[in-house]
Amino acid sequence: REIKNKGWFIYGARGTGGSWDLFVSRPDGSEKRNITNTPDYEEAAPRVAPDGKRMLYRRFAKGSVIDHDKWGFQGQLMVSSLDGTNAVEYGGEAEFPWASWSPDGKQLACLDKKGINIVDFDTKKVLREVPRQGIYQQLFWSPDGKWFCGTGNHGGQSWTVVRVNAETGEKNVVR
């Protein structure tokens, strides 16, 4: 009861037809509703924009297996209103991998084999590249804009949390 009306969660899950869709619910699990409901596609991995009005998510072909370790490289990046309406394709298959919003919502950080690409949201042009420092998935841009964080390889260990300075590219191993 204490957290019921403290906001909303947005997440991917299987809908009644068996395909993956995006849902919202209250923190206590109540008021659940399907906001994409697209039986011809699978959707997952919503990322809310800093303005709280838009989101990014990945859309996959119907029947695709969404791989926990590779979803950021799979499917197509979509942009929509936070309620799932006005969805538009942002890129083609596997483009803009692991896209994460900048704090002002004007850029995206995307991870590829070479580095972290900073992409202008409106033009889709790469503005600069930062070394990925071993990060290989689950890229996020910090709310203050100073850091990238993701799962990386470091010191012979996989699944290490790595933080990278967004300006200098300096690595800081968190775990």
N, C-alpha and C. Protein backbone atom coordinates (compact mmCIF):
# COMPACT_ATOMS: atom_id res chain seq x y z
N ARG A 1 0.82 -1.20 0.00
CA ARG A 1 0.00 0.00 0.00
C ARG A 1 0.86 1.26 0.00
N GLU A 2 1.98 1.19 0.68
CA GLU A 2 2.84 2.36 0.81
C GLU A 2 3.39 2.85 -0.53
N ILE A 3 3.69 1.94 -1.44
CA ILE A 3 4.30 2.34 -2.72
C ILE A 3 3.35 2.32 -3.90
N LYS A 4 2.14 1.88 -3.70
CA LYS A 4 1.19 1.69 -4.80
C LYS A 4 1.12 2.87 -5.77
N ASN A 5 1.01 4.07 -5.30
CA ASN A 5 0.83 5.24 -6.17
C ASN A 5 2.10 6.07 -6.33
N LYS A 6 3.26 5.45 -6.20
CA LYS A 6 4.54 6.16 -6.28
C LYS A 6 5.14 6.16 -7.68
N GLY A 7 4.35 5.98 -8.69
CA GLY A 7 4.86 5.99 -10.06
C GLY A 7 4.49 4.73 -10.81
N TRP A 8 5.29 4.46 -11.84
CA TRP A 8 5.02 3.34 -12.74
C TRP A 8 6.31 2.63 -13.09
N PHE A 9 6.20 1.33 -13.35
CA PHE A 9 7.28 0.54 -13.93
C PHE A 9 6.92 0.31 -15.38
N ILE A 10 7.92 0.25 -16.25
CA ILE A 10 7.71 -0.12 -17.64
C ILE A 10 8.66 -1.28 -17.93
N TYR A 11 8.15 -2.31 -18.60
CA TYR A 11 8.94 -3.52 -18.77
C TYR A 11 8.41 -4.35 -19.93
N GLY A 12 9.23 -5.27 -20.39
CA GLY A 12 8.82 -6.22 -21.43
C GLY A 12 8.41 -7.54 -20.80
N ALA A 13 7.35 -8.13 -21.31
CA ALA A 13 6.86 -9.43 -20.82
C ALA A 13 5.97 -10.05 -21.90
N ARG A 14 5.68 -11.32 -21.74
CA ARG A 14 4.79 -11.98 -22.70
C ARG A 14 3.35 -11.52 -22.50
N GLY A 15 2.70 -11.19 -23.61
CA GLY A 15 1.30 -10.80 -23.58
C GLY A 15 0.41 -12.03 -23.63
N THR A 16 -0.88 -11.80 -23.64
CA THR A 16 -1.84 -12.92 -23.65
C THR A 16 -1.72 -13.77 -24.91
N GLY A 17 -1.28 -13.20 -26.02
CA GLY A 17 -1.11 -13.95 -27.26
C GLY A 17 0.22 -14.67 -27.36
N GLY A 18 1.08 -14.50 -26.36
CA GLY A 18 2.36 -15.20 -26.34
C GLY A 18 3.54 -14.41 -26.84
N SER A 19 3.30 -13.28 -27.51
CA SER A 19 4.43 -12.47 -27.98
C SER A 19 4.87 -11.52 -26.87
N TRP A 20 6.11 -11.06 -26.97
CA TRP A 20 6.64 -10.09 -26.01
C TRP A 20 6.10 -8.71 -26.35
N ASP A 21 5.58 -8.02 -25.36
CA ASP A 21 5.08 -6.65 -25.49
C ASP A 21 5.63 -5.81 -24.36
N LEU A 22 5.38 -4.51 -24.40
CA LEU A 22 5.76 -3.62 -23.30
C LEU A 22 4.54 -3.35 -22.44
N PHE A 23 4.76 -3.35 -21.15
CA PHE A 23 3.70 -3.16 -20.16
C PHE A 23 4.09 -2.07 -19.18
N VAL A 24 3.09 -1.49 -18.54
CA VAL A 24 3.31 -0.62 -17.38
C VAL A 24 2.49 -1.17 -16.23
N SER A 25 2.96 -0.91 -15.03
CA SER A 25 2.20 -1.26 -13.83
C SER A 25 2.67 -0.36 -12.70
N ARG A 26 1.89 -0.32 -11.66
CA ARG A 26 2.29 0.38 -10.44
C ARG A 26 3.39 -0.43 -9.76
N PRO A 27 4.17 0.18 -8.88
CA PRO A 27 5.24 -0.56 -8.20
C PRO A 27 4.78 -1.80 -7.45
N ASP A 28 3.52 -1.84 -7.05
CA ASP A 28 3.02 -3.02 -6.34
C ASP A 28 2.45 -4.07 -7.30
N GLY A 29 2.57 -3.84 -8.63
CA GLY A 29 2.08 -4.78 -9.63
C GLY A 29 0.65 -4.55 -10.08
N SER A 30 -0.02 -3.61 -9.47
CA SER A 30 -1.42 -3.34 -9.85
C SER A 30 -1.48 -2.44 -11.09
N GLU A 31 -2.67 -2.31 -11.64
CA GLU A 31 -2.95 -1.47 -12.81
C GLU A 31 -2.08 -1.81 -14.01
N LYS A 32 -1.73 -3.09 -14.16
CA LYS A 32 -0.93 -3.55 -15.28
C LYS A 32 -1.70 -3.38 -16.58
N ARG A 33 -0.99 -2.85 -17.59
CA ARG A 33 -1.61 -2.77 -18.91
C ARG A 33 -0.55 -2.88 -20.01
N ASN A 34 -0.94 -3.48 -21.09
CA ASN A 34 -0.10 -3.68 -22.26
C ASN A 34 -0.14 -2.38 -23.07
N ILE A 35 1.03 -1.78 -23.32
CA ILE A 35 1.04 -0.50 -24.04
C ILE A 35 1.48 -0.63 -25.50
N THR A 36 1.96 -1.82 -25.91
CA THR A 36 2.28 -1.98 -27.33
C THR A 36 1.33 -2.94 -28.01
N ASN A 37 1.09 -4.08 -27.43
CA ASN A 37 0.09 -5.03 -27.93
C ASN A 37 0.20 -5.22 -29.45
N THR A 38 1.38 -5.68 -29.89
CA THR A 38 1.62 -5.89 -31.32
C THR A 38 1.89 -7.37 -31.58
N PRO A 39 0.86 -8.13 -31.95
CA PRO A 39 1.03 -9.58 -32.13
C PRO A 39 1.96 -9.95 -33.28
N ASP A 40 2.27 -9.02 -34.18
CA ASP A 40 3.16 -9.33 -35.30
C ASP A 40 4.63 -9.07 -35.00
N TYR A 41 4.95 -8.59 -33.78
CA TYR A 41 6.32 -8.30 -33.38
C TYR A 41 6.52 -8.73 -31.93
N GLU A 42 7.79 -8.74 -31.54
CA GLU A 42 8.19 -8.91 -30.14
C GLU A 42 8.84 -7.58 -29.74
N GLU A 43 8.59 -7.11 -28.52
CA GLU A 43 9.20 -5.87 -28.04
C GLU A 43 9.78 -6.08 -26.65
N ALA A 44 10.89 -5.40 -26.40
CA ALA A 44 11.55 -5.53 -25.09
C ALA A 44 12.47 -4.33 -24.86
N ALA A 45 13.01 -4.27 -23.68
CA ALA A 45 14.09 -3.35 -23.30
C ALA A 45 13.72 -1.86 -23.39
N PRO A 46 12.64 -1.44 -22.76
CA PRO A 46 12.30 -0.01 -22.79
C PRO A 46 13.29 0.83 -21.99
N ARG A 47 13.58 2.00 -22.50
CA ARG A 47 14.45 2.97 -21.82
C ARG A 47 13.77 4.33 -21.92
N VAL A 48 13.37 4.85 -20.79
CA VAL A 48 12.60 6.09 -20.73
C VAL A 48 13.52 7.29 -20.94
N ALA A 49 13.06 8.25 -21.75
CA ALA A 49 13.82 9.48 -22.00
C ALA A 49 13.83 10.35 -20.75
N PRO A 50 14.85 11.19 -20.62
CA PRO A 50 14.92 12.08 -19.46
C PRO A 50 13.71 13.02 -19.32
N ASP A 51 13.06 13.35 -20.44
CA ASP A 51 11.89 14.23 -20.36
C ASP A 51 10.64 13.49 -19.87
N GLY A 52 10.73 12.15 -19.75
CA GLY A 52 9.61 11.36 -19.27
C GLY A 52 8.45 11.27 -20.25
N LYS A 53 8.68 11.68 -21.50
CA LYS A 53 7.61 11.68 -22.49
C LYS A 53 7.82 10.66 -23.62
N ARG A 54 9.06 10.18 -23.77
CA ARG A 54 9.39 9.27 -24.86
C ARG A 54 10.13 8.06 -24.30
N MET A 55 10.25 7.05 -25.15
CA MET A 55 11.07 5.90 -24.78
C MET A 55 11.71 5.29 -26.01
N LEU A 56 12.80 4.60 -25.77
CA LEU A 56 13.45 3.76 -26.75
C LEU A 56 13.10 2.32 -26.38
N TYR A 57 13.02 1.46 -27.35
CA TYR A 57 12.91 0.03 -27.08
C TYR A 57 13.35 -0.73 -28.31
N ARG A 58 13.56 -2.04 -28.17
CA ARG A 58 13.95 -2.87 -29.29
C ARG A 58 12.72 -3.65 -29.77
N ARG A 59 12.56 -3.69 -31.09
CA ARG A 59 11.48 -4.46 -31.72
C ARG A 59 12.13 -5.58 -32.53
N PHE A 60 11.56 -6.77 -32.40
CA PHE A 60 12.10 -7.96 -33.03
C PHE A 60 11.04 -8.61 -33.92
N ALA A 61 11.51 -9.40 -34.89
CA ALA A 61 10.57 -10.15 -35.72
C ALA A 61 9.79 -11.13 -34.85
N LYS A 62 8.54 -11.36 -35.23
CA LYS A 62 7.69 -12.29 -34.49
C LYS A 62 8.38 -13.65 -34.38
N GLY A 63 8.38 -14.20 -33.19
CA GLY A 63 8.99 -15.50 -32.94
C GLY A 63 10.47 -15.45 -32.62
N SER A 64 11.06 -14.26 -32.63
CA SER A 64 12.48 -14.14 -32.28
C SER A 64 12.72 -14.57 -30.84
N VAL A 65 13.87 -15.16 -30.62
CA VAL A 65 14.30 -15.46 -29.27
C VAL A 65 15.11 -14.26 -28.79
N ILE A 66 14.64 -13.61 -27.76
CA ILE A 66 15.32 -12.43 -27.23
C ILE A 66 16.39 -12.93 -26.26
N ASP A 67 17.64 -12.79 -26.66
CA ASP A 67 18.77 -13.29 -25.89
C ASP A 67 19.14 -12.29 -24.80
N HIS A 68 19.14 -12.74 -23.57
CA HIS A 68 19.44 -11.87 -22.43
C HIS A 68 20.78 -11.15 -22.60
N ASP A 69 21.77 -11.81 -23.17
CA ASP A 69 23.10 -11.22 -23.30
C ASP A 69 23.30 -10.43 -24.58
N LYS A 70 22.37 -10.53 -25.52
CA LYS A 70 22.58 -9.89 -26.83
C LYS A 70 21.45 -8.98 -27.28
N TRP A 71 20.43 -8.76 -26.44
CA TRP A 71 19.26 -8.03 -26.93
C TRP A 71 19.59 -6.65 -27.46
N GLY A 72 20.62 -6.02 -26.94
CA GLY A 72 20.98 -4.69 -27.42
C GLY A 72 21.54 -4.67 -28.83
N PHE A 73 22.00 -5.84 -29.29
CA PHE A 73 22.49 -5.98 -30.66
C PHE A 73 21.43 -6.56 -31.58
N GLN A 74 20.33 -7.01 -31.01
CA GLN A 74 19.27 -7.66 -31.80
C GLN A 74 18.19 -6.64 -32.16
N GLY A 75 17.42 -6.98 -33.14
CA GLY A 75 16.23 -6.21 -33.47
C GLY A 75 16.49 -4.80 -33.94
N GLN A 76 15.46 -4.02 -33.85
CA GLN A 76 15.44 -2.67 -34.40
C GLN A 76 15.11 -1.69 -33.29
N LEU A 77 15.83 -0.56 -33.26
CA LEU A 77 15.54 0.46 -32.27
C LEU A 77 14.28 1.23 -32.68
N MET A 78 13.39 1.39 -31.72
CA MET A 78 12.14 2.12 -31.92
C MET A 78 12.10 3.30 -30.94
N VAL A 79 11.37 4.33 -31.32
CA VAL A 79 11.10 5.47 -30.45
C VAL A 79 9.60 5.67 -30.43
N SER A 80 9.05 5.89 -29.24
CA SER A 80 7.61 6.13 -29.15
C SER A 80 7.32 7.08 -28.00
N SER A 81 6.08 7.49 -27.93
CA SER A 81 5.62 8.20 -26.74
C SER A 81 5.68 7.23 -25.58
N LEU A 82 5.73 7.74 -24.38
CA LEU A 82 5.86 6.89 -23.21
C LEU A 82 4.70 5.91 -23.05
N ASP A 83 3.56 6.26 -23.60
CA ASP A 83 2.40 5.35 -23.49
C ASP A 83 2.37 4.30 -24.61
N GLY A 84 3.43 4.23 -25.42
CA GLY A 84 3.53 3.24 -26.49
C GLY A 84 2.97 3.69 -27.83
N THR A 85 2.31 4.85 -27.86
CA THR A 85 1.76 5.35 -29.12
C THR A 85 2.83 6.07 -29.93
N ASN A 86 2.52 6.37 -31.17
CA ASN A 86 3.40 7.11 -32.06
C ASN A 86 4.76 6.43 -32.26
N ALA A 87 4.78 5.12 -32.30
CA ALA A 87 6.02 4.38 -32.48
C ALA A 87 6.56 4.56 -33.89
N VAL A 88 7.86 4.85 -33.98
CA VAL A 88 8.53 4.98 -35.27
C VAL A 88 9.85 4.22 -35.22
N GLU A 89 10.22 3.68 -36.37
CA GLU A 89 11.50 2.99 -36.50
C GLU A 89 12.60 4.04 -36.44
N TYR A 90 13.60 3.80 -35.61
CA TYR A 90 14.72 4.73 -35.52
C TYR A 90 15.90 4.23 -36.35
N GLY A 91 16.00 2.94 -36.53
CA GLY A 91 17.10 2.38 -37.30
C GLY A 91 16.72 1.01 -37.81
N GLY A 92 17.61 0.44 -38.60
CA GLY A 92 17.38 -0.89 -39.14
C GLY A 92 17.83 -1.97 -38.18
N GLU A 93 17.74 -3.20 -38.64
CA GLU A 93 18.13 -4.36 -37.83
C GLU A 93 19.55 -4.18 -37.30
N ALA A 94 19.69 -4.31 -35.99
CA ALA A 94 20.98 -4.27 -35.27
C ALA A 94 21.65 -2.89 -35.28
N GLU A 95 21.00 -1.86 -35.77
CA GLU A 95 21.58 -0.52 -35.73
C GLU A 95 21.35 0.11 -34.35
N PHE A 96 22.22 1.02 -33.99
CA PHE A 96 22.14 1.74 -32.72
C PHE A 96 22.09 0.77 -31.53
N PRO A 97 23.09 -0.16 -31.45
CA PRO A 97 23.07 -1.16 -30.39
C PRO A 97 23.23 -0.56 -28.99
N TRP A 98 22.48 -1.13 -28.06
CA TRP A 98 22.50 -0.76 -26.63
C TRP A 98 22.26 0.74 -26.45
N ALA A 99 21.42 1.34 -27.27
CA ALA A 99 21.18 2.79 -27.21
C ALA A 99 20.72 3.23 -25.82
N SER A 100 21.32 4.31 -25.36
CA SER A 100 21.00 4.90 -24.05
C SER A 100 20.89 6.41 -24.21
N TRP A 101 19.90 7.00 -23.59
CA TRP A 101 19.67 8.45 -23.68
C TRP A 101 20.76 9.26 -23.00
N SER A 102 21.09 10.41 -23.57
CA SER A 102 21.91 11.39 -22.86
C SER A 102 21.02 12.08 -21.83
N PRO A 103 21.60 12.75 -20.85
CA PRO A 103 20.78 13.41 -19.82
C PRO A 103 19.78 14.43 -20.37
N ASP A 104 20.12 15.08 -21.48
CA ASP A 104 19.19 16.07 -22.05
C ASP A 104 18.30 15.49 -23.14
N GLY A 105 18.48 14.20 -23.47
CA GLY A 105 17.66 13.55 -24.48
C GLY A 105 17.96 13.96 -25.91
N LYS A 106 19.07 14.69 -26.12
CA LYS A 106 19.42 15.15 -27.46
C LYS A 106 20.42 14.24 -28.16
N GLN A 107 20.97 13.29 -27.41
CA GLN A 107 21.94 12.37 -27.97
C GLN A 107 21.68 10.97 -27.45
N LEU A 108 22.28 9.99 -28.13
CA LEU A 108 22.25 8.61 -27.69
C LEU A 108 23.69 8.12 -27.58
N ALA A 109 23.94 7.26 -26.64
CA ALA A 109 25.21 6.53 -26.58
C ALA A 109 24.91 5.13 -27.08
N CYS A 110 25.68 4.67 -28.05
CA CYS A 110 25.48 3.35 -28.63
C CYS A 110 26.81 2.60 -28.60
N LEU A 111 26.74 1.33 -28.34
CA LEU A 111 27.93 0.51 -28.16
C LEU A 111 28.17 -0.36 -29.39
N ASP A 112 29.38 -0.27 -29.94
CA ASP A 112 29.74 -1.21 -30.99
C ASP A 112 31.11 -1.80 -30.67
N LYS A 113 31.64 -2.61 -31.56
CA LYS A 113 32.91 -3.30 -31.28
C LYS A 113 34.08 -2.34 -31.15
N LYS A 114 34.00 -1.18 -31.75
CA LYS A 114 35.09 -0.21 -31.70
C LYS A 114 35.02 0.69 -30.48
N GLY A 115 33.82 1.08 -30.08
CA GLY A 115 33.72 2.02 -28.96
C GLY A 115 32.29 2.41 -28.67
N ILE A 116 32.17 3.44 -27.86
CA ILE A 116 30.87 4.01 -27.51
C ILE A 116 30.66 5.21 -28.43
N ASN A 117 29.68 5.13 -29.31
CA ASN A 117 29.39 6.21 -30.25
C ASN A 117 28.36 7.15 -29.64
N ILE A 118 28.67 8.43 -29.68
CA ILE A 118 27.73 9.46 -29.26
C ILE A 118 27.03 9.94 -30.52
N VAL A 119 25.72 9.73 -30.58
CA VAL A 119 24.93 9.98 -31.78
C VAL A 119 23.96 11.13 -31.53
N ASP A 120 23.91 12.08 -32.46
CA ASP A 120 22.91 13.15 -32.39
C ASP A 120 21.54 12.52 -32.65
N PHE A 121 20.60 12.72 -31.74
CA PHE A 121 19.30 12.06 -31.86
C PHE A 121 18.57 12.47 -33.14
N ASP A 122 18.57 13.75 -33.47
CA ASP A 122 17.81 14.23 -34.63
C ASP A 122 18.41 13.81 -35.97
N THR A 123 19.74 13.90 -36.11
CA THR A 123 20.37 13.63 -37.40
C THR A 123 20.88 12.19 -37.53
N LYS A 124 21.01 11.48 -36.42
CA LYS A 124 21.55 10.11 -36.36
C LYS A 124 23.02 10.05 -36.76
N LYS A 125 23.71 11.18 -36.72
CA LYS A 125 25.13 11.22 -37.06
C LYS A 125 25.98 11.00 -35.80
N VAL A 126 27.07 10.24 -35.97
CA VAL A 126 27.99 10.03 -34.86
C VAL A 126 28.79 11.31 -34.65
N LEU A 127 28.71 11.87 -33.45
CA LEU A 127 29.40 13.10 -33.12
C LEU A 127 30.82 12.85 -32.62
N ARG A 128 31.00 11.76 -31.89
CA ARG A 128 32.32 11.39 -31.39
C ARG A 128 32.28 9.96 -30.89
N GLU A 129 33.45 9.44 -30.59
CA GLU A 129 33.56 8.07 -30.09
C GLU A 129 34.43 8.07 -28.84
N VAL A 130 34.03 7.26 -27.87
CA VAL A 130 34.76 7.09 -26.62
C VAL A 130 35.17 5.62 -26.55
N PRO A 131 36.41 5.31 -26.13
CA PRO A 131 36.80 3.90 -26.01
C PRO A 131 35.84 3.13 -25.11
N ARG A 132 35.51 1.92 -25.48
CA ARG A 132 34.53 1.16 -24.70
C ARG A 132 35.13 0.50 -23.47
N GLN A 133 36.43 0.43 -23.39
CA GLN A 133 37.14 -0.07 -22.21
C GLN A 133 36.62 -1.42 -21.71
N GLY A 134 36.33 -2.31 -22.64
CA GLY A 134 35.89 -3.65 -22.27
C GLY A 134 34.39 -3.81 -22.10
N ILE A 135 33.63 -2.71 -22.08
CA ILE A 135 32.17 -2.82 -21.96
C ILE A 135 31.65 -3.55 -23.19
N TYR A 136 30.84 -4.58 -22.98
CA TYR A 136 30.32 -5.33 -24.11
C TYR A 136 28.80 -5.43 -24.13
N GLN A 137 28.11 -4.92 -23.11
CA GLN A 137 26.65 -4.93 -23.14
C GLN A 137 26.09 -4.06 -22.02
N GLN A 138 24.77 -3.87 -22.07
CA GLN A 138 24.01 -3.17 -21.04
C GLN A 138 24.56 -1.77 -20.74
N LEU A 139 24.80 -1.01 -21.79
CA LEU A 139 25.34 0.35 -21.68
C LEU A 139 24.30 1.32 -21.15
N PHE A 140 24.70 2.16 -20.21
CA PHE A 140 23.86 3.25 -19.71
C PHE A 140 24.69 4.52 -19.59
N TRP A 141 24.03 5.66 -19.77
CA TRP A 141 24.66 6.97 -19.63
C TRP A 141 24.15 7.56 -18.33
N SER A 142 25.04 8.00 -17.46
CA SER A 142 24.63 8.50 -16.14
C SER A 142 23.78 9.76 -16.26
N PRO A 143 22.87 9.99 -15.31
CA PRO A 143 22.00 11.17 -15.36
C PRO A 143 22.76 12.49 -15.33
N ASP A 144 23.98 12.51 -14.77
CA ASP A 144 24.76 13.76 -14.77
C ASP A 144 25.59 13.91 -16.04
N GLY A 145 25.57 12.91 -16.93
CA GLY A 145 26.27 12.98 -18.20
C GLY A 145 27.76 12.71 -18.14
N LYS A 146 28.29 12.41 -16.97
CA LYS A 146 29.73 12.28 -16.81
C LYS A 146 30.27 10.87 -17.03
N TRP A 147 29.39 9.86 -17.00
CA TRP A 147 29.87 8.49 -17.04
C TRP A 147 29.01 7.59 -17.93
N PHE A 148 29.67 6.57 -18.47
CA PHE A 148 28.99 5.45 -19.09
C PHE A 148 29.23 4.26 -18.16
N CYS A 149 28.26 3.39 -18.08
CA CYS A 149 28.39 2.21 -17.23
C CYS A 149 27.86 1.02 -18.01
N GLY A 150 28.50 -0.10 -17.82
CA GLY A 150 28.02 -1.30 -18.49
C GLY A 150 28.75 -2.53 -17.98
N THR A 151 28.33 -3.66 -18.51
CA THR A 151 28.97 -4.92 -18.18
C THR A 151 30.20 -5.05 -19.05
N GLY A 152 31.33 -5.40 -18.45
CA GLY A 152 32.57 -5.49 -19.21
C GLY A 152 33.47 -6.61 -18.75
N ASN A 153 34.52 -6.81 -19.53
CA ASN A 153 35.59 -7.74 -19.15
C ASN A 153 36.72 -6.93 -18.57
N HIS A 154 37.23 -7.36 -17.44
CA HIS A 154 38.36 -6.66 -16.84
C HIS A 154 39.15 -7.64 -15.98
N GLY A 155 40.45 -7.58 -16.10
CA GLY A 155 41.31 -8.41 -15.27
C GLY A 155 41.03 -9.89 -15.38
N GLY A 156 40.64 -10.34 -16.60
CA GLY A 156 40.35 -11.75 -16.80
C GLY A 156 38.98 -12.18 -16.30
N GLN A 157 38.20 -11.25 -15.84
CA GLN A 157 36.87 -11.58 -15.33
C GLN A 157 35.80 -10.99 -16.26
N SER A 158 34.80 -11.79 -16.56
CA SER A 158 33.66 -11.25 -17.32
C SER A 158 32.58 -10.83 -16.32
N TRP A 159 31.58 -10.16 -16.80
CA TRP A 159 30.49 -9.65 -15.97
C TRP A 159 31.00 -8.77 -14.84
N THR A 160 31.90 -7.89 -15.18
CA THR A 160 32.41 -6.90 -14.25
C THR A 160 31.72 -5.58 -14.59
N VAL A 161 31.32 -4.84 -13.59
CA VAL A 161 30.71 -3.54 -13.84
C VAL A 161 31.84 -2.53 -14.07
N VAL A 162 31.79 -1.88 -15.22
CA VAL A 162 32.82 -0.92 -15.62
C VAL A 162 32.19 0.45 -15.82
N ARG A 163 32.87 1.46 -15.34
CA ARG A 163 32.43 2.85 -15.52
C ARG A 163 33.49 3.55 -16.37
N VAL A 164 33.05 4.31 -17.37
CA VAL A 164 33.96 5.01 -18.28
C VAL A 164 33.62 6.49 -18.27
N ASN A 165 34.64 7.33 -18.09
CA ASN A 165 34.44 8.77 -18.10
C ASN A 165 34.00 9.19 -19.51
N ALA A 166 32.87 9.87 -19.61
CA ALA A 166 32.29 10.24 -20.91
C ALA A 166 33.15 11.24 -21.69
N GLU A 167 34.00 11.99 -21.02
CA GLU A 167 34.87 12.95 -21.71
C GLU A 167 36.25 12.38 -22.03
N THR A 168 36.89 11.76 -21.03
CA THR A 168 38.27 11.32 -21.19
C THR A 168 38.41 9.87 -21.63
N GLY A 169 37.38 9.04 -21.42
CA GLY A 169 37.47 7.63 -21.74
C GLY A 169 38.17 6.83 -20.67
N GLU A 170 38.53 7.47 -19.56
CA GLU A 170 39.20 6.77 -18.46
C GLU A 170 38.27 5.74 -17.85
N LYS A 171 38.84 4.55 -17.56
CA LYS A 171 38.06 3.44 -17.01
C LYS A 171 38.16 3.43 -15.49
N ASN A 172 37.04 3.10 -14.87
CA ASN A 172 36.96 2.89 -13.43
C ASN A 172 36.20 1.60 -13.21
N VAL A 173 36.88 0.59 -12.67
CA VAL A 173 36.23 -0.69 -12.43
C VAL A 173 35.45 -0.59 -11.13
N VAL A 174 34.15 -0.83 -11.22
CA VAL A 174 33.28 -0.72 -10.06
C VAL A 174 33.29 -2.03 -9.27
N ARG A 175 33.29 -3.14 -9.96
CA ARG A 175 33.40 -4.46 -9.31
C ARG A 175 34.36 -5.32 -10.08
